[in-house]
N, C-alpha and C. Protein backbone atom coordinates (compact mmCIF):
# COMPACT_ATOMS: atom_id res chain seq x y z
N MET A 1 115.96 89.51 106.13
CA MET A 1 116.40 89.54 104.79
C MET A 1 116.88 88.28 104.40
N THR A 2 116.86 87.25 105.18
CA THR A 2 117.25 85.88 104.85
C THR A 2 116.44 85.16 103.92
N TRP A 3 115.23 85.60 103.73
CA TRP A 3 114.31 84.92 102.76
C TRP A 3 114.78 85.05 101.40
N HIS A 4 115.68 85.85 101.08
CA HIS A 4 116.05 86.03 99.66
C HIS A 4 116.79 84.74 99.23
N VAL A 5 117.54 84.08 100.03
CA VAL A 5 118.14 82.90 99.57
C VAL A 5 117.38 81.86 99.20
N ASN A 6 116.11 81.80 99.61
CA ASN A 6 115.05 80.76 99.21
C ASN A 6 114.18 81.14 98.06
N ALA A 7 114.44 82.38 97.54
CA ALA A 7 113.57 82.86 96.45
C ALA A 7 113.90 81.99 95.10
N ALA A 8 112.84 81.84 94.42
CA ALA A 8 112.90 81.04 93.12
C ALA A 8 113.79 81.76 92.13
N CYS A 9 113.87 83.14 92.13
CA CYS A 9 114.68 83.85 91.22
C CYS A 9 116.01 84.00 91.41
N VAL A 10 116.68 83.33 92.70
CA VAL A 10 118.01 83.48 92.96
C VAL A 10 119.01 82.95 91.71
N GLY A 11 119.83 83.80 91.37
CA GLY A 11 120.72 83.49 90.19
C GLY A 11 120.23 83.79 88.88
N MET A 12 118.95 84.25 88.88
CA MET A 12 118.41 84.60 87.43
C MET A 12 118.77 86.09 87.11
N ASP A 13 118.73 86.43 86.06
CA ASP A 13 119.08 87.74 85.49
C ASP A 13 117.92 88.64 85.86
N PRO A 14 118.28 89.65 86.59
CA PRO A 14 117.35 90.53 87.27
C PRO A 14 116.47 91.29 86.13
N GLU A 15 116.88 91.36 84.86
CA GLU A 15 116.21 92.05 83.84
C GLU A 15 114.88 91.17 83.55
N THR A 16 114.90 89.88 83.80
CA THR A 16 113.77 89.10 83.62
C THR A 16 112.42 89.73 84.24
N PHE A 17 112.78 90.46 85.43
CA PHE A 17 111.67 90.78 86.28
C PHE A 17 111.36 92.44 86.01
N PHE A 18 112.05 92.93 84.88
CA PHE A 18 111.74 94.40 84.51
C PHE A 18 111.46 94.27 83.10
N PRO A 19 110.40 93.62 82.64
CA PRO A 19 110.00 93.47 81.10
C PRO A 19 109.74 94.81 80.54
N GLU A 20 109.97 94.88 79.20
CA GLU A 20 109.70 96.26 78.47
C GLU A 20 108.08 96.34 78.48
N ARG A 21 107.68 97.59 78.43
CA ARG A 21 106.25 97.93 78.44
C ARG A 21 105.58 97.27 77.33
N GLY A 22 104.40 96.57 77.64
CA GLY A 22 103.78 96.00 76.41
C GLY A 22 104.20 94.52 76.17
N ASP A 23 105.27 94.02 76.81
CA ASP A 23 105.79 92.70 76.35
C ASP A 23 105.11 91.68 77.24
N VAL A 24 103.93 91.29 76.91
CA VAL A 24 103.12 90.43 77.76
C VAL A 24 103.87 88.96 77.95
N GLN A 25 104.48 88.51 77.08
CA GLN A 25 105.05 87.28 77.20
C GLN A 25 106.08 87.28 78.27
N ALA A 26 106.98 88.37 78.34
CA ALA A 26 107.94 88.53 79.29
C ALA A 26 107.36 88.67 80.71
N VAL A 27 106.24 89.36 80.86
CA VAL A 27 105.50 89.53 82.10
C VAL A 27 105.03 88.30 82.60
N ARG A 28 104.54 87.45 81.61
CA ARG A 28 103.98 85.99 82.16
C ARG A 28 105.13 85.22 82.54
N THR A 29 106.37 85.23 81.89
CA THR A 29 107.49 84.42 82.30
C THR A 29 108.00 84.91 83.74
N ALA A 30 108.01 86.28 84.09
CA ALA A 30 108.44 86.61 85.35
C ALA A 30 107.47 86.12 86.38
N LYS A 31 106.15 86.45 86.02
CA LYS A 31 105.09 85.86 87.06
C LYS A 31 105.20 84.40 87.29
N ALA A 32 105.36 83.63 86.22
CA ALA A 32 105.49 82.14 86.36
C ALA A 32 106.59 81.76 87.28
N VAL A 33 107.74 82.38 87.27
CA VAL A 33 108.91 82.23 88.32
C VAL A 33 108.37 82.57 89.71
N CYS A 34 107.69 83.59 89.75
CA CYS A 34 107.07 84.12 91.17
C CYS A 34 106.09 83.06 91.62
N ALA A 35 105.18 82.57 90.81
CA ALA A 35 104.10 81.62 91.20
C ALA A 35 104.59 80.47 91.85
N GLY A 36 105.88 79.90 91.43
CA GLY A 36 106.31 78.79 92.32
C GLY A 36 107.36 79.08 93.39
N CYS A 37 107.38 80.34 93.74
CA CYS A 37 108.31 80.71 94.74
C CYS A 37 107.83 80.44 96.14
N PRO A 38 108.72 79.76 96.95
CA PRO A 38 108.22 79.60 98.39
C PRO A 38 108.17 80.89 99.28
N VAL A 39 108.77 81.99 98.86
CA VAL A 39 108.85 83.17 99.64
C VAL A 39 108.15 84.28 98.94
N ILE A 40 107.15 84.01 98.16
CA ILE A 40 106.38 85.04 97.35
C ILE A 40 105.69 86.08 98.33
N LEU A 41 105.26 85.73 99.47
CA LEU A 41 104.64 86.77 100.24
C LEU A 41 105.56 87.57 100.89
N GLU A 42 106.84 87.19 101.24
CA GLU A 42 107.86 87.87 101.86
C GLU A 42 108.41 89.02 100.73
N CYS A 43 108.43 88.54 99.54
CA CYS A 43 108.95 89.48 98.60
C CYS A 43 107.84 90.41 98.24
N ARG A 44 106.75 90.09 98.25
CA ARG A 44 105.63 91.02 97.81
C ARG A 44 105.56 92.15 98.96
N THR A 45 105.54 91.63 100.20
CA THR A 45 105.45 92.61 101.45
C THR A 45 106.72 93.58 101.38
N GLU A 46 107.98 93.02 101.23
CA GLU A 46 109.13 93.99 101.32
C GLU A 46 109.16 94.90 99.93
N ASN A 47 108.65 94.58 98.92
CA ASN A 47 108.71 95.28 97.60
C ASN A 47 107.45 95.99 97.38
N ILE A 48 106.51 96.07 98.32
CA ILE A 48 105.03 96.53 97.90
C ILE A 48 105.18 98.05 97.44
N MET A 49 106.16 98.97 97.78
CA MET A 49 106.21 100.29 97.37
C MET A 49 107.05 100.50 96.11
N GLU A 50 107.61 99.41 95.62
CA GLU A 50 108.31 99.52 94.31
C GLU A 50 107.35 99.98 93.15
N LYS A 51 107.92 100.92 92.35
CA LYS A 51 107.08 101.29 91.26
C LYS A 51 107.08 100.52 90.01
N ASP A 52 108.34 99.93 89.67
CA ASP A 52 108.48 99.31 88.47
C ASP A 52 108.90 97.79 88.85
N GLY A 53 108.63 96.89 87.75
CA GLY A 53 109.13 95.42 87.83
C GLY A 53 108.10 94.51 88.45
N ILE A 54 108.40 93.20 88.39
CA ILE A 54 107.47 92.26 88.94
C ILE A 54 108.31 91.84 90.17
N PHE A 55 107.44 92.01 91.28
CA PHE A 55 107.88 91.66 92.66
C PHE A 55 106.73 90.83 93.29
N GLY A 56 107.05 89.60 93.79
CA GLY A 56 106.02 88.92 94.58
C GLY A 56 104.93 88.57 93.71
N GLY A 57 105.08 88.36 92.41
CA GLY A 57 104.04 88.09 91.38
C GLY A 57 103.12 89.24 90.98
N LEU A 58 103.53 90.42 91.37
CA LEU A 58 102.72 91.58 90.97
C LEU A 58 103.38 92.53 90.15
N SER A 59 102.80 93.22 89.27
CA SER A 59 103.39 94.18 88.42
C SER A 59 103.33 95.61 89.40
N GLY A 60 103.86 96.59 88.78
CA GLY A 60 103.86 97.87 89.53
C GLY A 60 102.40 98.47 89.69
N LYS A 61 101.63 98.20 88.57
CA LYS A 61 100.18 98.55 88.55
C LYS A 61 99.42 97.87 89.50
N GLN A 62 99.65 96.59 89.57
CA GLN A 62 99.00 95.74 90.46
C GLN A 62 99.33 96.08 92.07
N ARG A 63 100.52 96.48 92.25
CA ARG A 63 100.99 96.81 93.61
C ARG A 63 100.36 98.20 93.97
N ARG A 64 100.21 99.06 93.13
CA ARG A 64 99.68 100.40 93.42
C ARG A 64 98.09 100.14 93.71
N GLU A 65 97.48 99.31 92.98
CA GLU A 65 96.09 98.85 93.13
C GLU A 65 95.98 98.22 94.56
N TYR A 66 96.86 97.28 94.82
CA TYR A 66 96.83 96.60 96.24
C TYR A 66 96.88 97.78 97.32
N ARG A 67 97.97 98.73 97.19
CA ARG A 67 98.06 99.72 98.15
C ARG A 67 96.88 100.56 98.33
N ARG A 68 96.22 100.79 97.22
CA ARG A 68 94.84 101.59 97.17
C ARG A 68 93.79 100.92 97.97
N VAL A 69 93.72 99.58 97.64
CA VAL A 69 92.50 98.75 98.19
C VAL A 69 92.84 98.49 99.72
N HIS A 70 94.03 98.01 99.95
CA HIS A 70 94.34 97.60 101.34
C HIS A 70 95.13 98.42 102.19
N GLY A 71 95.67 99.51 101.64
CA GLY A 71 96.48 100.49 102.53
C GLY A 71 97.83 99.67 102.96
N VAL A 72 98.82 100.45 103.25
CA VAL A 72 100.11 99.76 103.56
C VAL A 72 100.48 100.63 104.69
N GLY A 73 101.25 99.93 105.69
CA GLY A 73 101.72 100.63 106.83
C GLY A 73 102.83 101.49 106.53
N ARG A 74 102.74 102.73 107.12
CA ARG A 74 103.91 103.64 106.82
C ARG A 74 104.01 104.62 108.15
N SER A 75 105.17 105.11 108.30
CA SER A 75 105.36 105.99 109.47
C SER A 75 105.18 107.36 109.17
N CYS A 76 104.38 108.04 109.96
CA CYS A 76 104.01 109.50 109.87
C CYS A 76 105.30 110.29 110.00
N LEU A 77 105.52 111.22 109.15
CA LEU A 77 106.69 112.11 109.15
C LEU A 77 106.62 112.99 110.33
N GLN A 78 105.34 113.39 110.79
CA GLN A 78 105.26 114.20 111.87
C GLN A 78 105.41 113.61 113.31
N CYS A 79 104.51 112.56 113.41
CA CYS A 79 104.61 111.93 114.87
C CYS A 79 105.34 110.69 114.96
N GLY A 80 105.49 109.94 113.75
CA GLY A 80 106.20 108.72 113.83
C GLY A 80 105.30 107.51 113.86
N THR A 81 104.00 107.65 114.24
CA THR A 81 103.31 106.39 114.39
C THR A 81 102.92 105.73 113.06
N THR A 82 102.73 104.37 113.15
CA THR A 82 102.51 103.74 111.87
C THR A 82 100.99 103.87 111.40
N PHE A 83 100.69 104.22 110.23
CA PHE A 83 99.34 104.24 109.69
C PHE A 83 99.12 103.62 108.52
N ARG A 84 98.03 103.42 108.02
CA ARG A 84 97.80 102.85 106.68
C ARG A 84 97.66 103.95 105.60
N ALA A 85 98.69 103.85 104.69
CA ALA A 85 98.79 104.87 103.59
C ALA A 85 98.00 104.28 102.43
N TYR A 86 97.08 105.06 101.83
CA TYR A 86 96.40 104.67 100.59
C TYR A 86 96.92 105.19 99.43
N SER A 87 98.04 106.11 99.39
CA SER A 87 98.77 106.49 98.21
C SER A 87 100.19 106.59 98.50
N ASP A 88 100.85 106.64 97.47
CA ASP A 88 102.38 106.91 97.59
C ASP A 88 102.65 108.38 98.21
N GLN A 89 101.79 109.37 97.90
CA GLN A 89 102.11 110.64 98.37
C GLN A 89 101.67 110.88 99.84
N GLN A 90 100.83 109.95 100.48
CA GLN A 90 100.35 110.14 101.88
C GLN A 90 101.48 110.03 102.82
N ILE A 91 101.95 111.10 103.52
CA ILE A 91 103.11 111.15 104.52
C ILE A 91 102.73 111.34 105.79
N LEU A 92 101.60 111.84 106.11
CA LEU A 92 101.02 112.25 107.49
C LEU A 92 99.88 111.41 107.74
N CYS A 93 99.80 111.11 109.07
CA CYS A 93 98.69 110.12 109.47
C CYS A 93 97.27 110.69 109.65
N SER A 94 97.30 112.03 110.04
CA SER A 94 96.01 112.64 110.55
C SER A 94 95.97 114.02 110.24
N THR A 95 94.78 114.66 110.39
CA THR A 95 94.52 116.13 110.20
C THR A 95 95.35 116.80 111.22
N GLU A 96 95.48 116.37 112.40
CA GLU A 96 96.22 116.93 113.33
C GLU A 96 97.69 117.11 113.01
N CYS A 97 98.26 116.08 112.54
CA CYS A 97 99.59 116.03 112.10
C CYS A 97 99.84 117.11 110.86
N LYS A 98 98.74 117.17 110.01
CA LYS A 98 98.88 118.03 108.85
C LYS A 98 98.95 119.45 109.43
N LYS A 99 98.01 119.68 110.42
CA LYS A 99 97.97 121.15 110.98
C LYS A 99 99.28 121.38 111.65
N ALA A 100 99.90 120.42 112.44
CA ALA A 100 101.16 120.71 113.26
C ALA A 100 102.33 120.90 112.25
N ARG A 101 102.27 120.08 111.13
CA ARG A 101 103.39 120.29 110.19
C ARG A 101 103.25 121.65 109.43
N HIS A 102 102.04 122.09 109.12
CA HIS A 102 101.91 123.38 108.51
C HIS A 102 102.36 124.42 109.43
N ALA A 103 101.93 124.51 110.66
CA ALA A 103 102.27 125.44 111.62
C ALA A 103 103.94 125.43 111.84
N GLU A 104 104.61 124.23 111.79
CA GLU A 104 106.02 124.39 111.77
C GLU A 104 106.61 124.85 110.63
N ARG A 105 106.18 124.52 109.44
CA ARG A 105 106.68 125.22 108.27
C ARG A 105 106.40 126.77 108.24
N LYS A 106 105.28 127.14 108.62
CA LYS A 106 104.91 128.60 108.70
C LYS A 106 105.97 129.38 109.67
N ALA A 107 106.27 128.58 110.80
CA ALA A 107 107.26 129.26 111.70
C ALA A 107 108.62 129.25 111.11
N GLU A 108 108.91 128.21 110.51
CA GLU A 108 110.35 128.23 109.68
C GLU A 108 110.46 129.31 108.65
N SER A 109 109.31 129.44 107.92
CA SER A 109 109.22 130.48 106.88
C SER A 109 109.49 131.91 107.54
N ALA A 110 108.76 132.18 108.56
CA ALA A 110 108.80 133.39 109.27
C ALA A 110 110.23 133.67 109.78
N LEU A 111 110.93 132.66 110.38
CA LEU A 111 112.20 132.74 110.89
C LEU A 111 113.33 132.97 109.86
N ARG A 112 113.13 132.23 108.64
CA ARG A 112 113.95 132.58 107.45
C ARG A 112 113.82 134.01 106.89
N ALA A 113 112.58 134.56 106.93
CA ALA A 113 112.26 135.92 106.58
C ALA A 113 112.93 136.89 107.53
N TRP A 114 112.80 136.65 108.77
CA TRP A 114 113.44 137.54 109.81
C TRP A 114 114.94 137.54 109.53
N TRP A 115 115.55 136.33 109.37
CA TRP A 115 117.02 136.15 109.26
C TRP A 115 117.54 137.03 107.97
N SER A 116 116.72 137.00 107.01
CA SER A 116 117.08 137.48 105.71
C SER A 116 117.04 139.07 105.77
N GLU A 117 116.40 139.67 106.75
CA GLU A 117 116.20 141.13 106.69
C GLU A 117 117.53 141.84 106.95
């Protein structure tokens, strides 16, 4: 997290990087700051899952497209292994983990039903 101290945006108003929808000039201004930043890649990597704002020179829409095209490392909620997620909703790494999670939820549901009787 020490890369933050070297960021070009240090001391700037954070609102600069959250421009109003459709404000092209404000977006250009924020991206211009990022373009000259020595830690642009670190910023982009750490903030790749952010939905709004300009981070690492990319808008939220550009970050979503980057994740779709390149995938992003994420931990599987079932087994914990790191996998390439191609969407924000992808939380499990494989069909096997999906089946295991479904089986666990089904067993939990049956147990809850038994306890409520």
